[in-house]
Amino acid sequence: MSGGLSKADLATRVYMLGAIFAQIVERKRAAAAAADGIEDLPALFNDLKIRLEDGFLLTAQQRTNILAITQNTIYQPHQFKFKMLFVDVEEALEKQKDILRLTNIYGNPYREKQLNKLVRRVCSNVRNAFRADICDSIGGDKRTSLKNFSWTSAIKYKLGGPGDKLDVSYMAHNALLVRIYGVNPMRR
């Protein structure tokens, strides 16, 4: 090659040109792979959502709210459906789902079923505790007056507690329950 580049210089330049072309090809391949990955992104999120559904658990705050609503519902003066308490509790929870932070549950059948299971278990536990409190107030070491029982039960079960003065309807309700359990020892 006259007047120009030496063989070593020419070989170096051809090698650099090849490296540049290889880099361009690699970038094009990476861009194509990224474009494919973007198309699969909704599928990836859907897969993650399904996996998270399988491990769904109610938060401690949601569980506490369910317990509080159940206790308040069982202590209402008009409440006599103790075996079907869960129906009234579920109605109250659905009506107050925004306040009780349960919006992530309603509308999803799997989560609603999990909530239903928990509500039934909590209702059973609260019902048993309330029955035990009634029986304890009737006889034994923890025997107490109807007024005192009504006051302590309101502290334990009623949202907001008894307030300044407990409504008479609560005491009448408790008197009926104490009478039922006092007359019928099989219910203990």
C-alpha atoms as a PDB file:
ATOM      1  CA  MET A   1       0.000   0.000   0.000  1.00  0.00           C
ATOM      2  CA  SER A   2       1.683   3.049  -1.215  1.00  0.00           C
ATOM      3  CA  GLY A   3       1.653   6.315   0.676  1.00  0.00           C
ATOM      4  CA  GLY A   4      -0.850   5.167   3.146  1.00  0.00           C
ATOM      5  CA  LEU A   5      -1.367   2.988   6.118  1.00  0.00           C
ATOM      6  CA  SER A   6       0.791   0.175   7.261  1.00  0.00           C
ATOM      7  CA  LYS A   7      -0.605  -3.350   7.547  1.00  0.00           C
ATOM      8  CA  ALA A   8      -0.673  -3.128  11.346  1.00  0.00           C
ATOM      9  CA  ASP A   9      -2.538   0.196  11.270  1.00  0.00           C
ATOM     10  CA  LEU A  10      -5.019  -1.131   8.725  1.00  0.00           C
ATOM     11  CA  ALA A  11      -5.612  -4.316  10.783  1.00  0.00           C
ATOM     12  CA  THR A  12      -6.183  -2.221  13.917  1.00  0.00           C
ATOM     13  CA  ARG A  13      -8.728  -0.029  12.122  1.00  0.00           C
ATOM     14  CA  VAL A  14     -10.588  -3.039  10.684  1.00  0.00           C
ATOM     15  CA  TYR A  15     -10.654  -4.620  14.178  1.00  0.00           C
ATOM     16  CA  MET A  16     -12.099  -1.397  15.696  1.00  0.00           C
ATOM     17  CA  LEU A  17     -14.738  -1.210  12.950  1.00  0.00           C
ATOM     18  CA  GLY A  18     -15.703  -4.820  13.676  1.00  0.00           C
ATOM     19  CA  ALA A  19     -15.961  -4.070  17.413  1.00  0.00           C
ATOM     20  CA  ILE A  20     -18.207  -1.066  16.709  1.00  0.00           C
ATOM     21  CA  PHE A  21     -20.475  -3.171  14.474  1.00  0.00           C
ATOM     22  CA  ALA A  22     -20.606  -5.901  17.131  1.00  0.00           C
ATOM     23  CA  GLN A  23     -21.624  -3.303  19.734  1.00  0.00           C
ATOM     24  CA  ILE A  24     -24.369  -1.971  17.448  1.00  0.00           C
ATOM     25  CA  VAL A  25     -25.714  -5.489  16.876  1.00  0.00           C
ATOM     26  CA  GLU A  26     -25.633  -6.202  20.626  1.00  0.00           C
ATOM     27  CA  ARG A  27     -27.544  -2.981  21.405  1.00  0.00           C
ATOM     28  CA  LYS A  28     -30.180  -3.843  18.790  1.00  0.00           C
ATOM     29  CA  ARG A  29     -30.547  -7.327  20.273  1.00  0.00           C
ATOM     30  CA  ALA A  30     -30.869  -5.884  23.826  1.00  0.00           C
ATOM     31  CA  ALA A  31     -33.463  -3.336  22.645  1.00  0.00           C
ATOM     32  CA  ALA A  32     -35.483  -6.107  20.986  1.00  0.00           C
ATOM     33  CA  ALA A  33     -35.307  -8.221  24.156  1.00  0.00           C
ATOM     34  CA  ALA A  34     -36.422  -5.257  26.264  1.00  0.00           C
ATOM     35  CA  ALA A  35     -39.348  -4.645  23.931  1.00  0.00           C
ATOM     36  CA  ASP A  36     -40.367  -8.288  24.358  1.00  0.00           C
ATOM     37  CA  GLY A  37     -40.035  -7.910  28.122  1.00  0.00           C
ATOM     38  CA  ILE A  38     -42.327  -4.869  28.130  1.00  0.00           C
ATOM     39  CA  GLU A  39     -44.981  -6.880  26.331  1.00  0.00           C
ATOM     40  CA  ASP A  40     -44.685  -9.591  29.018  1.00  0.00           C
ATOM     41  CA  LEU A  41     -44.876  -7.069  31.896  1.00  0.00           C
ATOM     42  CA  PRO A  42     -48.692  -7.301  32.329  1.00  0.00           C
ATOM     43  CA  ALA A  43     -48.386 -11.082  32.381  1.00  0.00           C
ATOM     44  CA  LEU A  44     -45.656 -10.780  35.019  1.00  0.00           C
ATOM     45  CA  PHE A  45     -47.844  -8.533  37.196  1.00  0.00           C
ATOM     46  CA  ASN A  46     -50.777 -10.910  36.789  1.00  0.00           C
ATOM     47  CA  ASP A  47     -48.587 -13.819  37.881  1.00  0.00           C
ATOM     48  CA  LEU A  48     -47.383 -11.869  40.923  1.00  0.00           C
ATOM     49  CA  LYS A  49     -50.967 -10.940  41.807  1.00  0.00           C
ATOM     50  CA  ILE A  50     -52.031 -14.585  41.694  1.00  0.00           C
ATOM     51  CA  ARG A  51     -49.122 -15.601  43.895  1.00  0.00           C
ATOM     52  CA  LEU A  52     -49.935 -12.865  46.424  1.00  0.00           C
ATOM     53  CA  GLU A  53     -53.591 -13.941  46.507  1.00  0.00           C
ATOM     54  CA  ASP A  54     -52.535 -17.378  47.680  1.00  0.00           C
ATOM     55  CA  GLY A  55     -50.738 -15.911  50.682  1.00  0.00           C
ATOM     56  CA  PHE A  56     -53.429 -13.362  51.620  1.00  0.00           C
ATOM     57  CA  LEU A  57     -53.736 -12.591  55.340  1.00  0.00           C
ATOM     58  CA  LEU A  58     -55.822 -10.003  57.137  1.00  0.00           C
ATOM     59  CA  THR A  59     -53.813  -7.349  58.935  1.00  0.00           C
ATOM     60  CA  ALA A  60     -53.742  -7.038  62.719  1.00  0.00           C
ATOM     61  CA  GLN A  61     -55.757  -3.826  62.447  1.00  0.00           C
ATOM     62  CA  GLN A  62     -58.435  -5.557  60.358  1.00  0.00           C
ATOM     63  CA  ARG A  63     -58.636  -8.405  62.881  1.00  0.00           C
ATOM     64  CA  THR A  64     -58.940  -5.953  65.769  1.00  0.00           C
ATOM     65  CA  ASN A  65     -61.708  -4.078  63.956  1.00  0.00           C
ATOM     66  CA  ILE A  66     -63.592  -7.333  63.321  1.00  0.00           C
ATOM     67  CA  LEU A  67     -63.348  -8.261  67.011  1.00  0.00           C
ATOM     68  CA  ALA A  68     -64.557  -4.814  68.106  1.00  0.00           C
ATOM     69  CA  ILE A  69     -67.551  -4.900  65.745  1.00  0.00           C
ATOM     70  CA  THR A  70     -68.422  -8.440  66.860  1.00  0.00           C
ATOM     71  CA  GLN A  71     -68.287  -7.505  70.541  1.00  0.00           C
ATOM     72  CA  ASN A  72     -70.377  -4.405  69.934  1.00  0.00           C
ATOM     73  CA  THR A  73     -72.930  -6.371  67.900  1.00  0.00           C
ATOM     74  CA  ILE A  74     -73.399  -9.105  70.510  1.00  0.00           C
ATOM     75  CA  TYR A  75     -73.942  -6.504  73.230  1.00  0.00           C
ATOM     76  CA  GLN A  76     -76.653  -4.531  71.427  1.00  0.00           C
ATOM     77  CA  PRO A  77     -79.987  -4.551  73.343  1.00  0.00           C
ATOM     78  CA  HIS A  78     -81.905  -5.903  70.343  1.00  0.00           C
ATOM     79  CA  GLN A  79     -79.494  -8.811  69.748  1.00  0.00           C
ATOM     80  CA  PHE A  80     -80.978 -12.236  70.441  1.00  0.00           C
ATOM     81  CA  LYS A  81     -79.717 -14.157  67.385  1.00  0.00           C
ATOM     82  CA  PHE A  82     -76.544 -15.458  68.928  1.00  0.00           C
ATOM     83  CA  LYS A  83     -76.090 -18.478  66.657  1.00  0.00           C
ATOM     84  CA  MET A  84     -76.477 -16.288  63.559  1.00  0.00           C
ATOM     85  CA  LEU A  85     -74.428 -13.411  64.971  1.00  0.00           C
ATOM     86  CA  PHE A  86     -72.002 -13.664  62.066  1.00  0.00           C
ATOM     87  CA  VAL A  87     -74.721 -12.478  59.639  1.00  0.00           C
ATOM     88  CA  ASP A  88     -75.201  -9.211  61.544  1.00  0.00           C
ATOM     89  CA  VAL A  89     -71.443  -8.771  61.928  1.00  0.00           C
ATOM     90  CA  GLU A  90     -70.814  -9.294  58.210  1.00  0.00           C
ATOM     91  CA  GLU A  91     -73.521  -6.732  57.369  1.00  0.00           C
ATOM     92  CA  ALA A  92     -71.930  -4.208  59.726  1.00  0.00           C
ATOM     93  CA  LEU A  93     -68.475  -4.878  58.289  1.00  0.00           C
ATOM     94  CA  GLU A  94     -69.626  -4.420  54.707  1.00  0.00           C
ATOM     95  CA  LYS A  95     -71.476  -1.191  55.535  1.00  0.00           C
ATOM     96  CA  GLN A  96     -68.377   0.222  57.242  1.00  0.00           C
ATOM     97  CA  LYS A  97     -65.717  -1.326  54.981  1.00  0.00           C
ATOM     98  CA  ASP A  98     -64.074   2.049  54.256  1.00  0.00           C
ATOM     99  CA  ILE A  99     -63.771   3.040  57.910  1.00  0.00           C
ATOM    100  CA  LEU A 100     -62.667  -0.445  58.993  1.00  0.00           C
ATOM    101  CA  ARG A 101     -60.084  -0.680  56.181  1.00  0.00           C
ATOM    102  CA  LEU A 102     -61.666  -3.736  54.567  1.00  0.00           C
ATOM    103  CA  THR A 103     -61.905  -2.370  51.015  1.00  0.00           C
ATOM    104  CA  ASN A 104     -59.210  -4.762  49.804  1.00  0.00           C
ATOM    105  CA  ILE A 105     -61.458  -7.720  50.677  1.00  0.00           C
ATOM    106  CA  TYR A 106     -64.835  -6.963  49.156  1.00  0.00           C
ATOM    107  CA  GLY A 107     -65.135  -7.744  45.469  1.00  0.00           C
ATOM    108  CA  ASN A 108     -62.671 -10.634  45.664  1.00  0.00           C
ATOM    109  CA  PRO A 109     -64.425 -13.988  46.299  1.00  0.00           C
ATOM    110  CA  TYR A 110     -61.359 -15.678  47.788  1.00  0.00           C
ATOM    111  CA  ARG A 111     -60.741 -12.859  50.255  1.00  0.00           C
ATOM    112  CA  GLU A 112     -64.432 -12.648  51.149  1.00  0.00           C
ATOM    113  CA  LYS A 113     -64.373 -16.351  51.969  1.00  0.00           C
ATOM    114  CA  GLN A 114     -61.323 -15.846  54.198  1.00  0.00           C
ATOM    115  CA  LEU A 115     -63.129 -12.967  55.935  1.00  0.00           C
ATOM    116  CA  ASN A 116     -66.239 -15.116  56.389  1.00  0.00           C
ATOM    117  CA  LYS A 117     -64.182 -17.877  58.038  1.00  0.00           C
ATOM    118  CA  LEU A 118     -62.545 -15.408  60.395  1.00  0.00           C
ATOM    119  CA  VAL A 119     -65.829 -13.696  61.269  1.00  0.00           C
ATOM    120  CA  ARG A 120     -67.450 -17.040  62.140  1.00  0.00           C
ATOM    121  CA  ARG A 121     -64.513 -17.999  64.362  1.00  0.00           C
ATOM    122  CA  VAL A 122     -64.454 -14.598  66.088  1.00  0.00           C
ATOM    123  CA  CYS A 123     -68.234 -14.697  66.591  1.00  0.00           C
ATOM    124  CA  SER A 124     -67.956 -18.124  68.202  1.00  0.00           C
ATOM    125  CA  ASN A 125     -65.201 -16.944  70.539  1.00  0.00           C
ATOM    126  CA  VAL A 126     -67.034 -13.761  71.516  1.00  0.00           C
ATOM    127  CA  ARG A 127     -70.291 -15.659  72.022  1.00  0.00           C
ATOM    128  CA  ASN A 128     -68.546 -18.176  74.302  1.00  0.00           C
ATOM    129  CA  ALA A 129     -66.834 -15.419  76.284  1.00  0.00           C
ATOM    130  CA  PHE A 130     -70.127 -13.527  76.685  1.00  0.00           C
ATOM    131  CA  ARG A 131     -71.904 -16.718  77.793  1.00  0.00           C
ATOM    132  CA  ALA A 132     -69.124 -17.388  80.313  1.00  0.00           C
ATOM    133  CA  ASP A 133     -69.405 -13.823  81.640  1.00  0.00           C
ATOM    134  CA  ILE A 134     -73.168 -14.241  82.092  1.00  0.00           C
ATOM    135  CA  CYS A 135     -72.751 -17.582  83.872  1.00  0.00           C
ATOM    136  CA  ASP A 136     -70.004 -16.171  86.093  1.00  0.00           C
ATOM    137  CA  SER A 137     -72.242 -13.267  87.095  1.00  0.00           C
ATOM    138  CA  ILE A 138     -75.002 -15.662  88.173  1.00  0.00           C
ATOM    139  CA  GLY A 139     -73.019 -17.865  90.513  1.00  0.00           C
ATOM    140  CA  GLY A 140     -69.645 -18.771  91.828  1.00  0.00           C
ATOM    141  CA  ASP A 141     -66.815 -16.557  93.003  1.00  0.00           C
ATOM    142  CA  LYS A 142     -67.485 -13.877  90.375  1.00  0.00           C
ATOM    143  CA  ARG A 143     -71.189 -13.474  91.219  1.00  0.00           C
ATOM    144  CA  THR A 144     -72.247  -9.836  90.882  1.00  0.00           C
ATOM    145  CA  SER A 145     -75.315  -7.607  90.718  1.00  0.00           C
ATOM    146  CA  LEU A 146     -77.129  -6.977  87.437  1.00  0.00           C
ATOM    147  CA  LYS A 147     -76.098  -3.315  87.501  1.00  0.00           C
ATOM    148  CA  ASN A 148     -72.420  -4.158  88.027  1.00  0.00           C
ATOM    149  CA  PHE A 149     -72.569  -6.918  85.389  1.00  0.00           C
ATOM    150  CA  SER A 150     -74.139  -4.529  82.888  1.00  0.00           C
ATOM    151  CA  TRP A 151     -71.480  -1.889  83.565  1.00  0.00           C
ATOM    152  CA  THR A 152     -68.496  -4.265  83.296  1.00  0.00           C
ATOM    153  CA  SER A 153     -69.981  -5.941  80.207  1.00  0.00           C
ATOM    154  CA  ALA A 154     -70.440  -2.563  78.549  1.00  0.00           C
ATOM    155  CA  ILE A 155     -66.805  -1.755  79.238  1.00  0.00           C
ATOM    156  CA  LYS A 156     -65.734  -5.048  77.690  1.00  0.00           C
ATOM    157  CA  TYR A 157     -68.143  -5.373  74.734  1.00  0.00           C
ATOM    158  CA  LYS A 158     -69.700  -2.014  73.806  1.00  0.00           C
ATOM    159  CA  LEU A 159     -67.809   0.293  71.443  1.00  0.00           C
ATOM    160  CA  GLY A 160     -67.005   3.445  73.366  1.00  0.00           C
ATOM    161  CA  GLY A 161     -67.772   1.744  76.671  1.00  0.00           C
ATOM    162  CA  PRO A 162     -70.760   2.570  78.860  1.00  0.00           C
ATOM    163  CA  GLY A 163     -70.393   6.342  78.620  1.00  0.00           C
ATOM    164  CA  ASP A 164     -71.583   8.585  81.438  1.00  0.00           C
ATOM    165  CA  LYS A 165     -74.738   6.578  82.033  1.00  0.00           C
ATOM    166  CA  LEU A 166     -75.544   3.202  80.506  1.00  0.00           C
ATOM    167  CA  ASP A 167     -78.904   3.102  78.725  1.00  0.00           C
ATOM    168  CA  VAL A 168     -81.627   1.139  80.549  1.00  0.00           C
ATOM    169  CA  SER A 169     -82.192  -1.047  77.471  1.00  0.00           C
ATOM    170  CA  TYR A 170     -78.779  -2.658  78.012  1.00  0.00           C
ATOM    171  CA  MET A 171     -79.666  -3.563  81.589  1.00  0.00           C
ATOM    172  CA  ALA A 172     -83.042  -4.978  80.486  1.00  0.00           C
ATOM    173  CA  HIS A 173     -81.305  -7.050  77.807  1.00  0.00           C
ATOM    174  CA  ASN A 174     -78.803  -8.357  80.352  1.00  0.00           C
ATOM    175  CA  ALA A 175     -81.608  -9.156  82.814  1.00  0.00           C
ATOM    176  CA  LEU A 176     -83.286 -11.322  80.176  1.00  0.00           C
ATOM    177  CA  LEU A 177     -80.047 -13.094  79.345  1.00  0.00           C
ATOM    178  CA  VAL A 178     -79.232 -13.681  83.031  1.00  0.00           C
ATOM    179  CA  ARG A 179     -82.752 -15.014  83.543  1.00  0.00           C
ATOM    180  CA  ILE A 180     -82.450 -17.407  80.574  1.00  0.00           C
ATOM    181  CA  TYR A 181     -79.135 -18.772  81.801  1.00  0.00           C
ATOM    182  CA  GLY A 182     -80.263 -18.835  85.435  1.00  0.00           C
ATOM    183  CA  VAL A 183     -83.426 -20.851  84.701  1.00  0.00           C
ATOM    184  CA  ASN A 184     -81.881 -23.152  82.118  1.00  0.00           C
ATOM    185  CA  PRO A 185     -78.649 -24.673  83.477  1.00  0.00           C
ATOM    186  CA  MET A 186     -78.235 -26.670  80.233  1.00  0.00           C
ATOM    187  CA  ARG A 187     -77.308 -23.438  78.440  1.00  0.00           C
ATOM    188  CA  ARG A 188     -74.261 -23.004  80.660  1.00  0.00           C
END
